Amino acid sequence: MSKSSFQGGPARRAVALQYGGTDTAPVIVASGMGYLAEKIVEVAADSGVPIYEDNSLATMLSQMKLGQEIPESLYQAIVDIYLYFLEFDPNDPEKKSRQEMLGDLAVLSKSDETGEEDV
C-alpha cells in the first residue's frame, strides 16, 4: 500500500468514507470515476478531509454500494491509512484537529499523463 497523500493530478477513481461514533465500520458516502472522482477529491480537499492515494483500495471500494460499510477484510487497510494521517507529524500542534476530522476520509486512484491508471 502506498503511504503517500494525494499529489495532485486528475483522479481516475475516488471513494469517500465516513466513520461516525455509532457506526460499526467506515461507510461509503461517495464514489465515482472521471469527472465525478475529481469533484469528490475537490470537495474533500476544500473541506479539509484527508486524501490518500491507493489505486487497489480505491478500485475495491468503488465496487461497493453507497451507504455500505466496508467489509472486515479491508479493516486493516483503512486502519493503516488512518494511522498514517494520525502519525504524519506527531510534533504538529494541529494533530488534535487532524484526529477529529478523520471521521471522514477520501481514497482515490489517479491517472498519469497517458491516462493510464497508476499501479
PDB file of N, CA and C in Angstrom:
ATOM      1  N   MET A   1       0.835  -1.173   0.000  1.00  0.00           N
ATOM      2  CA  MET A   1       0.000   0.000   0.000  1.00  0.00           C
ATOM      3  C   MET A   1       0.881   1.237   0.000  1.00  0.00           C
ATOM      4  N   SER A   2       0.615   2.111  -0.891  1.00  0.00           N
ATOM      5  CA  SER A   2       1.360   3.363  -0.989  1.00  0.00           C
ATOM      6  C   SER A   2       1.053   4.233   0.215  1.00  0.00           C
ATOM      7  N   LYS A   3       2.085   4.749   0.854  1.00  0.00           N
ATOM      8  CA  LYS A   3       1.869   5.636   2.002  1.00  0.00           C
ATOM      9  C   LYS A   3       2.147   7.065   1.592  1.00  0.00           C
ATOM     10  N   SER A   4       1.392   7.537   0.617  1.00  0.00           N
ATOM     11  CA  SER A   4       1.546   8.919   0.186  1.00  0.00           C
ATOM     12  C   SER A   4       0.183   9.573   0.164  1.00  0.00           C
ATOM     13  N   SER A   5       0.150  10.829   0.553  1.00  0.00           N
ATOM     14  CA  SER A   5      -1.106  11.549   0.431  1.00  0.00           C
ATOM     15  C   SER A   5      -1.241  11.997  -1.017  1.00  0.00           C
ATOM     16  N   PHE A   6      -2.378  12.501  -1.363  1.00  0.00           N
ATOM     17  CA  PHE A   6      -2.670  12.872  -2.748  1.00  0.00           C
ATOM     18  C   PHE A   6      -1.676  13.899  -3.261  1.00  0.00           C
ATOM     19  N   GLN A   7      -1.107  13.642  -4.425  1.00  0.00           N
ATOM     20  CA  GLN A   7      -0.085  14.503  -5.008  1.00  0.00           C
ATOM     21  C   GLN A   7      -0.619  15.386  -6.125  1.00  0.00           C
ATOM     22  N   GLY A   8      -1.890  15.403  -6.336  1.00  0.00           N
ATOM     23  CA  GLY A   8      -2.471  16.230  -7.388  1.00  0.00           C
ATOM     24  C   GLY A   8      -2.655  15.448  -8.670  1.00  0.00           C
ATOM     25  N   GLY A   9      -3.138  16.106  -9.690  1.00  0.00           N
ATOM     26  CA  GLY A   9      -3.417  15.436 -10.953  1.00  0.00           C
ATOM     27  C   GLY A   9      -4.839  14.919 -10.948  1.00  0.00           C
ATOM     28  N   PRO A  10      -5.338  14.562 -12.124  1.00  0.00           N
ATOM     29  CA  PRO A  10      -6.728  14.133 -12.209  1.00  0.00           C
ATOM     30  C   PRO A  10      -6.951  12.780 -11.531  1.00  0.00           C
ATOM     31  N   ALA A  11      -8.010  12.682 -10.778  1.00  0.00           N
ATOM     32  CA  ALA A  11      -8.361  11.421 -10.126  1.00  0.00           C
ATOM     33  C   ALA A  11      -9.146  10.580 -11.116  1.00  0.00           C
ATOM     34  N   ARG A  12      -8.740   9.366 -11.303  1.00  0.00           N
ATOM     35  CA  ARG A  12      -9.455   8.448 -12.182  1.00  0.00           C
ATOM     36  C   ARG A  12     -10.624   7.815 -11.442  1.00  0.00           C
ATOM     37  N   ARG A  13     -10.434   7.563 -10.151  1.00  0.00           N
ATOM     38  CA  ARG A  13     -11.452   6.925  -9.324  1.00  0.00           C
ATOM     39  C   ARG A  13     -11.293   7.465  -7.906  1.00  0.00           C
ATOM     40  N   ALA A  14     -12.386   7.751  -7.231  1.00  0.00           N
ATOM     41  CA  ALA A  14     -12.319   8.238  -5.855  1.00  0.00           C
ATOM     42  C   ALA A  14     -13.485   7.671  -5.050  1.00  0.00           C
ATOM     43  N   VAL A  15     -13.197   7.419  -3.785  1.00  0.00           N
ATOM     44  CA  VAL A  15     -14.209   6.917  -2.857  1.00  0.00           C
ATOM     45  C   VAL A  15     -14.052   7.690  -1.563  1.00  0.00           C
ATOM     46  N   ALA A  16     -15.159   8.145  -1.006  1.00  0.00           N
ATOM     47  CA  ALA A  16     -15.133   8.846   0.278  1.00  0.00           C
ATOM     48  C   ALA A  16     -15.752   7.949   1.339  1.00  0.00           C
ATOM     49  N   LEU A  17     -15.072   7.880   2.465  1.00  0.00           N
ATOM     50  CA  LEU A  17     -15.541   7.080   3.591  1.00  0.00           C
ATOM     51  C   LEU A  17     -15.895   8.005   4.743  1.00  0.00           C
ATOM     52  N   GLN A  18     -16.824   7.556   5.562  1.00  0.00           N
ATOM     53  CA  GLN A  18     -17.163   8.297   6.769  1.00  0.00           C
ATOM     54  C   GLN A  18     -17.303   7.291   7.898  1.00  0.00           C
ATOM     55  N   TYR A  19     -16.775   7.666   9.049  1.00  0.00           N
ATOM     56  CA  TYR A  19     -16.868   6.801  10.220  1.00  0.00           C
ATOM     57  C   TYR A  19     -17.361   7.632  11.385  1.00  0.00           C
ATOM     58  N   GLY A  20     -18.554   7.332  11.832  1.00  0.00           N
ATOM     59  CA  GLY A  20     -19.142   8.039  12.969  1.00  0.00           C
ATOM     60  C   GLY A  20     -19.065   7.179  14.213  1.00  0.00           C
ATOM     61  N   GLY A  21     -19.279   7.788  15.362  1.00  0.00           N
ATOM     62  CA  GLY A  21     -19.174   7.076  16.626  1.00  0.00           C
ATOM     63  C   GLY A  21     -20.131   5.909  16.776  1.00  0.00           C
ATOM     64  N   THR A  22     -21.266   5.957  16.078  1.00  0.00           N
ATOM     65  CA  THR A  22     -22.236   4.873  16.198  1.00  0.00           C
ATOM     66  C   THR A  22     -22.078   3.822  15.105  1.00  0.00           C
ATOM     67  N   ASP A  23     -21.224   4.093  14.116  1.00  0.00           N
ATOM     68  CA  ASP A  23     -21.001   3.127  13.038  1.00  0.00           C
ATOM     69  C   ASP A  23     -20.126   1.984  13.545  1.00  0.00           C
ATOM     70  N   THR A  24     -20.371   0.779  13.012  1.00  0.00           N
ATOM     71  CA  THR A  24     -19.511  -0.349  13.371  1.00  0.00           C
ATOM     72  C   THR A  24     -18.289  -0.421  12.467  1.00  0.00           C
ATOM     73  N   ALA A  25     -18.343   0.265  11.321  1.00  0.00           N
ATOM     74  CA  ALA A  25     -17.223   0.309  10.371  1.00  0.00           C
ATOM     75  C   ALA A  25     -17.394   1.543   9.497  1.00  0.00           C
ATOM     76  N   PRO A  26     -16.315   1.988   8.839  1.00  0.00           N
ATOM     77  CA  PRO A  26     -16.454   3.116   7.905  1.00  0.00           C
ATOM     78  C   PRO A  26     -17.476   2.780   6.811  1.00  0.00           C
ATOM     79  N   VAL A  27     -18.176   3.808   6.352  1.00  0.00           N
ATOM     80  CA  VAL A  27     -19.254   3.663   5.376  1.00  0.00           C
ATOM     81  C   VAL A  27     -18.878   4.419   4.101  1.00  0.00           C
ATOM     82  N   ILE A  28     -19.221   3.858   2.948  1.00  0.00           N
ATOM     83  CA  ILE A  28     -19.015   4.523   1.656  1.00  0.00           C
ATOM     84  C   ILE A  28     -20.057   5.634   1.530  1.00  0.00           C
ATOM     85  N   VAL A  29     -19.597   6.892   1.423  1.00  0.00           N
ATOM     86  CA  VAL A  29     -20.539   8.009   1.310  1.00  0.00           C
ATOM     87  C   VAL A  29     -20.484   8.682  -0.058  1.00  0.00           C
ATOM     88  N   ALA A  30     -19.456   8.392  -0.842  1.00  0.00           N
ATOM     89  CA  ALA A  30     -19.367   8.910  -2.213  1.00  0.00           C
ATOM     90  C   ALA A  30     -18.420   8.019  -2.994  1.00  0.00           C
ATOM     91  N   SER A  31     -18.713   7.868  -4.269  1.00  0.00           N
ATOM     92  CA  SER A  31     -17.868   7.037  -5.117  1.00  0.00           C
ATOM     93  C   SER A  31     -18.072   7.469  -6.560  1.00  0.00           C
ATOM     94  N   GLY A  32     -16.983   7.543  -7.312  1.00  0.00           N
ATOM     95  CA  GLY A  32     -17.135   7.922  -8.704  1.00  0.00           C
ATOM     96  C   GLY A  32     -15.860   7.768  -9.493  1.00  0.00           C
ATOM     97  N   MET A  33     -16.004   7.903 -10.809  1.00  0.00           N
ATOM     98  CA  MET A  33     -14.876   7.817 -11.729  1.00  0.00           C
ATOM     99  C   MET A  33     -14.846   9.083 -12.575  1.00  0.00           C
ATOM    100  N   GLY A  34     -13.673   9.379 -13.138  1.00  0.00           N
ATOM    101  CA  GLY A  34     -13.550  10.506 -14.055  1.00  0.00           C
ATOM    102  C   GLY A  34     -13.889  11.830 -13.412  1.00  0.00           C
ATOM    103  N   TYR A  35     -14.791  12.571 -14.048  1.00  0.00           N
ATOM    104  CA  TYR A  35     -15.166  13.901 -13.570  1.00  0.00           C
ATOM    105  C   TYR A  35     -15.731  13.837 -12.148  1.00  0.00           C
ATOM    106  N   LEU A  36     -16.578  12.855 -11.873  1.00  0.00           N
ATOM    107  CA  LEU A  36     -17.162  12.722 -10.543  1.00  0.00           C
ATOM    108  C   LEU A  36     -16.070  12.462  -9.503  1.00  0.00           C
ATOM    109  N   ALA A  37     -15.072  11.666  -9.848  1.00  0.00           N
ATOM    110  CA  ALA A  37     -13.949  11.418  -8.934  1.00  0.00           C
ATOM    111  C   ALA A  37     -13.210  12.718  -8.645  1.00  0.00           C
ATOM    112  N   GLU A  38     -12.997  13.524  -9.670  1.00  0.00           N
ATOM    113  CA  GLU A  38     -12.322  14.811  -9.479  1.00  0.00           C
ATOM    114  C   GLU A  38     -13.123  15.715  -8.549  1.00  0.00           C
ATOM    115  N   LYS A  39     -14.451  15.704  -8.679  1.00  0.00           N
ATOM    116  CA  LYS A  39     -15.294  16.525  -7.807  1.00  0.00           C
ATOM    117  C   LYS A  39     -15.258  16.014  -6.366  1.00  0.00           C
ATOM    118  N   ILE A  40     -15.237  14.703  -6.187  1.00  0.00           N
ATOM    119  CA  ILE A  40     -15.137  14.134  -4.835  1.00  0.00           C
ATOM    120  C   ILE A  40     -13.850  14.602  -4.175  1.00  0.00           C
ATOM    121  N   VAL A  41     -12.755  14.536  -4.916  1.00  0.00           N
ATOM    122  CA  VAL A  41     -11.467  14.975  -4.392  1.00  0.00           C
ATOM    123  C   VAL A  41     -11.484  16.474  -4.100  1.00  0.00           C
ATOM    124  N   GLU A  42     -12.075  17.245  -4.997  1.00  0.00           N
ATOM    125  CA  GLU A  42     -12.146  18.695  -4.820  1.00  0.00           C
ATOM    126  C   GLU A  42     -12.924  19.056  -3.550  1.00  0.00           C
ATOM    127  N   VAL A  43     -14.081  18.432  -3.367  1.00  0.00           N
ATOM    128  CA  VAL A  43     -14.901  18.711  -2.185  1.00  0.00           C
ATOM    129  C   VAL A  43     -14.167  18.268  -0.918  1.00  0.00           C
ATOM    130  N   ALA A  44     -13.525  17.121  -0.976  1.00  0.00           N
ATOM    131  CA  ALA A  44     -12.773  16.641   0.191  1.00  0.00           C
ATOM    132  C   ALA A  44     -11.658  17.620   0.544  1.00  0.00           C
ATOM    133  N   ALA A  45     -10.895  18.042  -0.456  1.00  0.00           N
ATOM    134  CA  ALA A  45      -9.794  18.976  -0.211  1.00  0.00           C
ATOM    135  C   ALA A  45     -10.304  20.301   0.336  1.00  0.00           C
ATOM    136  N   ASP A  46     -11.372  20.829  -0.262  1.00  0.00           N
ATOM    137  CA  ASP A  46     -11.941  22.098   0.189  1.00  0.00           C
ATOM    138  C   ASP A  46     -12.499  22.002   1.608  1.00  0.00           C
ATOM    139  N   SER A  47     -12.886  20.796   2.017  1.00  0.00           N
ATOM    140  CA  SER A  47     -13.471  20.586   3.341  1.00  0.00           C
ATOM    141  C   SER A  47     -12.430  20.179   4.376  1.00  0.00           C
ATOM    142  N   GLY A  48     -11.177  20.052   3.952  1.00  0.00           N
ATOM    143  CA  GLY A  48     -10.125  19.663   4.883  1.00  0.00           C
ATOM    144  C   GLY A  48     -10.110  18.181   5.207  1.00  0.00           C
ATOM    145  N   VAL A  49     -10.745  17.377   4.365  1.00  0.00           N
ATOM    146  CA  VAL A  49     -10.766  15.932   4.568  1.00  0.00           C
ATOM    147  C   VAL A  49      -9.463  15.345   4.032  1.00  0.00           C
ATOM    148  N   PRO A  50      -8.788  14.505   4.821  1.00  0.00           N
ATOM    149  CA  PRO A  50      -7.544  13.889   4.333  1.00  0.00           C
ATOM    150  C   PRO A  50      -7.798  13.057   3.082  1.00  0.00           C
ATOM    151  N   ILE A  51      -6.857  13.127   2.153  1.00  0.00           N
ATOM    152  CA  ILE A  51      -6.956  12.384   0.897  1.00  0.00           C
ATOM    153  C   ILE A  51      -5.753  11.471   0.801  1.00  0.00           C
ATOM    154  N   TYR A  52      -6.006  10.214   0.517  1.00  0.00           N
ATOM    155  CA  TYR A  52      -4.960   9.198   0.464  1.00  0.00           C
ATOM    156  C   TYR A  52      -5.053   8.483  -0.872  1.00  0.00           C
ATOM    157  N   GLU A  53      -3.928   8.298  -1.527  1.00  0.00           N
ATOM    158  CA  GLU A  53      -3.920   7.655  -2.834  1.00  0.00           C
ATOM    159  C   GLU A  53      -3.541   6.188  -2.716  1.00  0.00           C
ATOM    160  N   ASP A  54      -4.442   5.331  -3.153  1.00  0.00           N
ATOM    161  CA  ASP A  54      -4.195   3.885  -3.174  1.00  0.00           C
ATOM    162  C   ASP A  54      -5.066   3.299  -4.272  1.00  0.00           C
ATOM    163  N   ASN A  55      -4.454   2.995  -5.405  1.00  0.00           N
ATOM    164  CA  ASN A  55      -5.198   2.530  -6.576  1.00  0.00           C
ATOM    165  C   ASN A  55      -5.988   1.254  -6.330  1.00  0.00           C
ATOM    166  N   SER A  56      -5.362   0.272  -5.720  1.00  0.00           N
ATOM    167  CA  SER A  56      -6.038  -1.012  -5.493  1.00  0.00           C
ATOM    168  C   SER A  56      -7.217  -0.853  -4.547  1.00  0.00           C
ATOM    169  N   LEU A  57      -7.003  -0.137  -3.457  1.00  0.00           N
ATOM    170  CA  LEU A  57      -8.071   0.050  -2.484  1.00  0.00           C
ATOM    171  C   LEU A  57      -9.216   0.863  -3.081  1.00  0.00           C
ATOM    172  N   ALA A  58      -8.895   1.906  -3.820  1.00  0.00           N
ATOM    173  CA  ALA A  58      -9.941   2.711  -4.463  1.00  0.00           C
ATOM    174  C   ALA A  58     -10.759   1.850  -5.422  1.00  0.00           C
ATOM    175  N   THR A  59     -10.103   0.965  -6.136  1.00  0.00           N
ATOM    176  CA  THR A  59     -10.807   0.075  -7.062  1.00  0.00           C
ATOM    177  C   THR A  59     -11.759  -0.846  -6.307  1.00  0.00           C
ATOM    178  N   MET A  60     -11.267  -1.462  -5.227  1.00  0.00           N
ATOM    179  CA  MET A  60     -12.123  -2.366  -4.444  1.00  0.00           C
ATOM    180  C   MET A  60     -13.306  -1.623  -3.829  1.00  0.00           C
ATOM    181  N   LEU A  61     -13.023  -0.462  -3.225  1.00  0.00           N
ATOM    182  CA  LEU A  61     -14.080   0.289  -2.560  1.00  0.00           C
ATOM    183  C   LEU A  61     -15.106   0.829  -3.552  1.00  0.00           C
ATOM    184  N   SER A  62     -14.672   1.171  -4.760  1.00  0.00           N
ATOM    185  CA  SER A  62     -15.593   1.740  -5.749  1.00  0.00           C
ATOM    186  C   SER A  62     -16.606   0.715  -6.255  1.00  0.00           C
ATOM    187  N   GLN A  63     -16.375  -0.549  -5.994  1.00  0.00           N
ATOM    188  CA  GLN A  63     -17.303  -1.597  -6.406  1.00  0.00           C
ATOM    189  C   GLN A  63     -18.410  -1.820  -5.379  1.00  0.00           C
ATOM    190  N   MET A  64     -18.305  -1.127  -4.248  1.00  0.00           N
ATOM    191  CA  MET A  64     -19.304  -1.267  -3.194  1.00  0.00           C
ATOM    192  C   MET A  64     -20.420  -0.243  -3.382  1.00  0.00           C
ATOM    193  N   LYS A  65     -21.553  -0.467  -2.727  1.00  0.00           N
ATOM    194  CA  LYS A  65     -22.702   0.427  -2.835  1.00  0.00           C
ATOM    195  C   LYS A  65     -22.583   1.581  -1.841  1.00  0.00           C
ATOM    196  N   LEU A  66     -23.142   2.724  -2.208  1.00  0.00           N
ATOM    197  CA  LEU A  66     -23.199   3.855  -1.292  1.00  0.00           C
ATOM    198  C   LEU A  66     -23.961   3.444  -0.033  1.00  0.00           C
ATOM    199  N   GLY A  67     -23.471   3.877   1.117  1.00  0.00           N
ATOM    200  CA  GLY A  67     -24.105   3.542   2.382  1.00  0.00           C
ATOM    201  C   GLY A  67     -23.659   2.219   2.965  1.00  0.00           C
ATOM    202  N   GLN A  68     -22.878   1.461   2.200  1.00  0.00           N
ATOM    203  CA  GLN A  68     -22.416   0.153   2.660  1.00  0.00           C
ATOM    204  C   GLN A  68     -21.178   0.311   3.535  1.00  0.00           C
ATOM    205  N   GLU A  69     -21.141  -0.450   4.640  1.00  0.00           N
ATOM    206  CA  GLU A  69     -19.948  -0.476   5.468  1.00  0.00           C
ATOM    207  C   GLU A  69     -18.859  -1.258   4.739  1.00  0.00           C
ATOM    208  N   ILE A  70     -17.603  -0.854   4.974  1.00  0.00           N
ATOM    209  CA  ILE A  70     -16.521  -1.599   4.344  1.00  0.00           C
ATOM    210  C   ILE A  70     -16.482  -3.002   4.954  1.00  0.00           C
ATOM    211  N   PRO A  71     -16.082  -3.995   4.177  1.00  0.00           N
ATOM    212  CA  PRO A  71     -16.027  -5.360   4.706  1.00  0.00           C
ATOM    213  C   PRO A  71     -14.860  -5.525   5.675  1.00  0.00           C
ATOM    214  N   GLU A  72     -15.001  -6.476   6.550  1.00  0.00           N
ATOM    215  CA  GLU A  72     -13.974  -6.740   7.554  1.00  0.00           C
ATOM    216  C   GLU A  72     -12.614  -7.010   6.917  1.00  0.00           C
ATOM    217  N   SER A  73     -12.602  -7.565   5.728  1.00  0.00           N
ATOM    218  CA  SER A  73     -11.338  -7.868   5.048  1.00  0.00           C
ATOM    219  C   SER A  73     -10.534  -6.609   4.711  1.00  0.00           C
ATOM    220  N   LEU A  74     -11.183  -5.436   4.701  1.00  0.00           N
ATOM    221  CA  LEU A  74     -10.487  -4.186   4.393  1.00  0.00           C
ATOM    222  C   LEU A  74     -10.199  -3.340   5.638  1.00  0.00           C
ATOM    223  N   TYR A  75     -10.593  -3.818   6.805  1.00  0.00           N
ATOM    224  CA  TYR A  75     -10.366  -3.049   8.034  1.00  0.00           C
ATOM    225  C   TYR A  75      -8.908  -2.644   8.191  1.00  0.00           C
ATOM    226  N   GLN A  76      -7.995  -3.592   8.026  1.00  0.00           N
ATOM    227  CA  GLN A  76      -6.580  -3.288   8.273  1.00  0.00           C
ATOM    228  C   GLN A  76      -6.058  -2.227   7.308  1.00  0.00           C
ATOM    229  N   ALA A  77      -6.468  -2.294   6.056  1.00  0.00           N
ATOM    230  CA  ALA A  77      -6.023  -1.288   5.085  1.00  0.00           C
ATOM    231  C   ALA A  77      -6.503   0.098   5.496  1.00  0.00           C
ATOM    232  N   ILE A  78      -7.740   0.204   5.953  1.00  0.00           N
ATOM    233  CA  ILE A  78      -8.284   1.503   6.364  1.00  0.00           C
ATOM    234  C   ILE A  78      -7.616   1.968   7.654  1.00  0.00           C
ATOM    235  N   VAL A  79      -7.396   1.069   8.590  1.00  0.00           N
ATOM    236  CA  VAL A  79      -6.698   1.423   9.831  1.00  0.00           C
ATOM    237  C   VAL A  79      -5.306   1.956   9.518  1.00  0.00           C
ATOM    238  N   ASP A  80      -4.608   1.320   8.593  1.00  0.00           N
ATOM    239  CA  ASP A  80      -3.267   1.776   8.212  1.00  0.00           C
ATOM    240  C   ASP A  80      -3.302   3.208   7.674  1.00  0.00           C
ATOM    241  N   ILE A  81      -4.328   3.538   6.906  1.00  0.00           N
ATOM    242  CA  ILE A  81      -4.462   4.894   6.368  1.00  0.00           C
ATOM    243  C   ILE A  81      -4.746   5.877   7.498  1.00  0.00           C
ATOM    244  N   TYR A  82      -5.674   5.540   8.363  1.00  0.00           N
ATOM    245  CA  TYR A  82      -5.979   6.421   9.497  1.00  0.00           C
ATOM    246  C   TYR A  82      -4.724   6.649  10.338  1.00  0.00           C
ATOM    247  N   LEU A  83      -3.981   5.597  10.613  1.00  0.00           N
ATOM    248  CA  LEU A  83      -2.761   5.734  11.403  1.00  0.00           C
ATOM    249  C   LEU A  83      -1.727   6.589  10.686  1.00  0.00           C
ATOM    250  N   TYR A  84      -1.629   6.440   9.392  1.00  0.00           N
ATOM    251  CA  TYR A  84      -0.697   7.256   8.620  1.00  0.00           C
ATOM    252  C   TYR A  84      -0.982   8.736   8.848  1.00  0.00           C
ATOM    253  N   PHE A  85      -2.243   9.121   8.751  1.00  0.00           N
ATOM    254  CA  PHE A  85      -2.586  10.531   8.937  1.00  0.00           C
ATOM    255  C   PHE A  85      -2.441  10.968  10.386  1.00  0.00           C
ATOM    256  N   LEU A  86      -2.770  10.100  11.313  1.00  0.00           N
ATOM    257  CA  LEU A  86      -2.622  10.452  12.727  1.00  0.00           C
ATOM    258  C   LEU A  86      -1.163  10.660  13.110  1.00  0.00           C
ATOM    259  N   GLU A  87      -0.285   9.864  12.520  1.00  0.00           N
ATOM    260  CA  GLU A  87       1.126   9.904  12.881  1.00  0.00           C
ATOM    261  C   GLU A  87       1.971  10.690  11.884  1.00  0.00           C
ATOM    262  N   PHE A  88       1.333  11.346  10.955  1.00  0.00           N
ATOM    263  CA  PHE A  88       2.044  12.051   9.894  1.00  0.00           C
ATOM    264  C   PHE A  88       3.094  13.010  10.441  1.00  0.00           C
ATOM    265  N   ASP A  89       2.743  13.814  11.439  1.00  0.00           N
ATOM    266  CA  ASP A  89       3.693  14.734  12.060  1.00  0.00           C
ATOM    267  C   ASP A  89       3.333  14.857  13.541  1.00  0.00           C
ATOM    268  N   PRO A  90       3.883  13.971  14.378  1.00  0.00           N
ATOM    269  CA  PRO A  90       3.498  13.953  15.785  1.00  0.00           C
ATOM    270  C   PRO A  90       3.825  15.239  16.542  1.00  0.00           C
ATOM    271  N   ASN A  91       4.712  16.075  16.025  1.00  0.00           N
ATOM    272  CA  ASN A  91       5.039  17.341  16.680  1.00  0.00           C
ATOM    273  C   ASN A  91       4.146  18.483  16.221  1.00  0.00           C
ATOM    274  N   ASP A  92       3.230  18.184  15.341  1.00  0.00           N
ATOM    275  CA  ASP A  92       2.336  19.188  14.776  1.00  0.00           C
ATOM    276  C   ASP A  92       1.292  19.609  15.811  1.00  0.00           C
ATOM    277  N   PRO A  93       1.185  20.894  16.128  1.00  0.00           N
ATOM    278  CA  PRO A  93       0.177  21.333  17.099  1.00  0.00           C
ATOM    279  C   PRO A  93      -1.255  21.155  16.595  1.00  0.00           C
ATOM    280  N   GLU A  94      -1.425  20.913  15.313  1.00  0.00           N
ATOM    281  CA  GLU A  94      -2.757  20.704  14.739  1.00  0.00           C
ATOM    282  C   GLU A  94      -3.178  19.237  14.789  1.00  0.00           C
ATOM    283  N   LYS A  95      -2.398  18.385  15.440  1.00  0.00           N
ATOM    284  CA  LYS A  95      -2.671  16.950  15.446  1.00  0.00           C
ATOM    285  C   LYS A  95      -4.080  16.649  15.959  1.00  0.00           C
ATOM    286  N   LYS A  96      -4.508  17.299  17.008  1.00  0.00           N
ATOM    287  CA  LYS A  96      -5.836  17.040  17.569  1.00  0.00           C
ATOM    288  C   LYS A  96      -6.930  17.324  16.545  1.00  0.00           C
ATOM    289  N   SER A  97      -6.809  18.430  15.806  1.00  0.00           N
ATOM    290  CA  SER A  97      -7.833  18.734  14.807  1.00  0.00           C
ATOM    291  C   SER A  97      -7.795  17.709  13.677  1.00  0.00           C
ATOM    292  N   ARG A  98      -6.592  17.208  13.334  1.00  0.00           N
ATOM    293  CA  ARG A  98      -6.497  16.146  12.330  1.00  0.00           C
ATOM    294  C   ARG A  98      -7.208  14.896  12.823  1.00  0.00           C
ATOM    295  N   GLN A  99      -7.041  14.563  14.092  1.00  0.00           N
ATOM    296  CA  GLN A  99      -7.686  13.378  14.643  1.00  0.00           C
ATOM    297  C   GLN A  99      -9.203  13.519  14.577  1.00  0.00           C
ATOM    298  N   GLU A 100      -9.697  14.710  14.850  1.00  0.00           N
ATOM    299  CA  GLU A 100     -11.145  14.933  14.827  1.00  0.00           C
ATOM    300  C   GLU A 100     -11.711  14.835  13.423  1.00  0.00           C
ATOM    301  N   MET A 101     -10.970  15.299  12.414  1.00  0.00           N
ATOM    302  CA  MET A 101     -11.506  15.280  11.052  1.00  0.00           C
ATOM    303  C   MET A 101     -11.341  13.925  10.383  1.00  0.00           C
ATOM    304  N   LEU A 102     -10.703  12.971  11.038  1.00  0.00           N
ATOM    305  CA  LEU A 102     -10.513  11.664  10.431  1.00  0.00           C
ATOM    306  C   LEU A 102     -11.779  10.820  10.431  1.00  0.00           C
ATOM    307  N   GLY A 103     -12.878  11.377  10.897  1.00  0.00           N
ATOM    308  CA  GLY A 103     -14.148  10.695  10.744  1.00  0.00           C
ATOM    309  C   GLY A 103     -14.520  10.597   9.272  1.00  0.00           C
ATOM    310  N   ASP A 104     -13.907  11.444   8.462  1.00  0.00           N
ATOM    311  CA  ASP A 104     -14.126  11.440   7.025  1.00  0.00           C
ATOM    312  C   ASP A 104     -12.799  11.169   6.343  1.00  0.00           C
ATOM    313  N   LEU A 105     -12.819  10.445   5.247  1.00  0.00           N
ATOM    314  CA  LEU A 105     -11.607  10.102   4.531  1.00  0.00           C
ATOM    315  C   LEU A 105     -11.943   9.845   3.075  1.00  0.00           C
ATOM    316  N   ALA A 106     -11.105  10.336   2.182  1.00  0.00           N
ATOM    317  CA  ALA A 106     -11.285  10.065   0.761  1.00  0.00           C
ATOM    318  C   ALA A 106     -10.126   9.197   0.293  1.00  0.00           C
ATOM    319  N   VAL A 107     -10.424   8.152  -0.448  1.00  0.00           N
ATOM    320  CA  VAL A 107      -9.419   7.266  -1.019  1.00  0.00           C
ATOM    321  C   VAL A 107      -9.575   7.362  -2.528  1.00  0.00           C
ATOM    322  N   LEU A 108      -8.453   7.549  -3.230  1.00  0.00           N
ATOM    323  CA  LEU A 108      -8.582   7.736  -4.655  1.00  0.00           C
ATOM    324  C   LEU A 108      -7.505   7.032  -5.442  1.00  0.00           C
ATOM    325  N   SER A 109      -7.748   7.002  -6.721  1.00  0.00           N
ATOM    326  CA  SER A 109      -6.816   6.495  -7.706  1.00  0.00           C
ATOM    327  C   SER A 109      -6.657   7.599  -8.723  1.00  0.00           C
ATOM    328  N   LYS A 110      -5.426   7.910  -9.134  1.00  0.00           N
ATOM    329  CA  LYS A 110      -5.255   8.951 -10.148  1.00  0.00           C
ATOM    330  C   LYS A 110      -4.598   8.362 -11.382  1.00  0.00           C
ATOM    331  N   SER A 111      -4.781   9.062 -12.506  1.00  0.00           N
ATOM    332  CA  SER A 111      -4.153   8.617 -13.744  1.00  0.00           C
ATOM    333  C   SER A 111      -2.910   9.443 -13.974  1.00  0.00           C
ATOM    334  N   ASP A 112      -1.977   8.889 -14.745  1.00  0.00           N
ATOM    335  CA  ASP A 112      -0.780   9.653 -15.096  1.00  0.00           C
ATOM    336  C   ASP A 112      -1.055  10.412 -16.389  1.00  0.00           C
ATOM    337  N   GLU A 113      -0.048  11.031 -16.948  1.00  0.00           N
ATOM    338  CA  GLU A 113      -0.210  11.868 -18.143  1.00  0.00           C
ATOM    339  C   GLU A 113      -0.781  11.070 -19.333  1.00  0.00           C
ATOM    340  N   THR A 114      -0.553   9.781 -19.372  1.00  0.00           N
ATOM    341  CA  THR A 114      -1.018   8.983 -20.507  1.00  0.00           C
ATOM    342  C   THR A 114      -2.476   8.600 -20.354  1.00  0.00           C
ATOM    343  N   GLY A 115      -3.061   8.900 -19.172  1.00  0.00           N
ATOM    344  CA  GLY A 115      -4.439   8.487 -18.934  1.00  0.00           C
ATOM    345  C   GLY A 115      -4.515   7.094 -18.353  1.00  0.00           C
ATOM    346  N   GLU A 116      -3.378   6.447 -18.217  1.00  0.00           N
ATOM    347  CA  GLU A 116      -3.347   5.121 -17.631  1.00  0.00           C
ATOM    348  C   GLU A 116      -3.350   5.237 -16.120  1.00  0.00           C
ATOM    349  N   GLU A 117      -3.998   4.297 -15.474  1.00  0.00           N
ATOM    350  CA  GLU A 117      -4.066   4.298 -14.021  1.00  0.00           C
ATOM    351  C   GLU A 117      -2.726   3.863 -13.436  1.00  0.00           C
ATOM    352  N   ASP A 118      -2.286   4.561 -12.370  1.00  0.00           N
ATOM    353  CA  ASP A 118      -1.067   4.168 -11.670  1.00  0.00           C
ATOM    354  C   ASP A 118      -1.253   2.813 -11.037  1.00  0.00           C
ATOM    355  N   VAL A 119      -0.201   2.029 -10.982  1.00  0.00           N
ATOM    356  CA  VAL A 119      -0.278   0.714 -10.350  1.00  0.00           C
ATOM    357  C   VAL A 119       0.682   0.649  -9.196  1.00  0.00           C
TER     358      VAL A 119
END
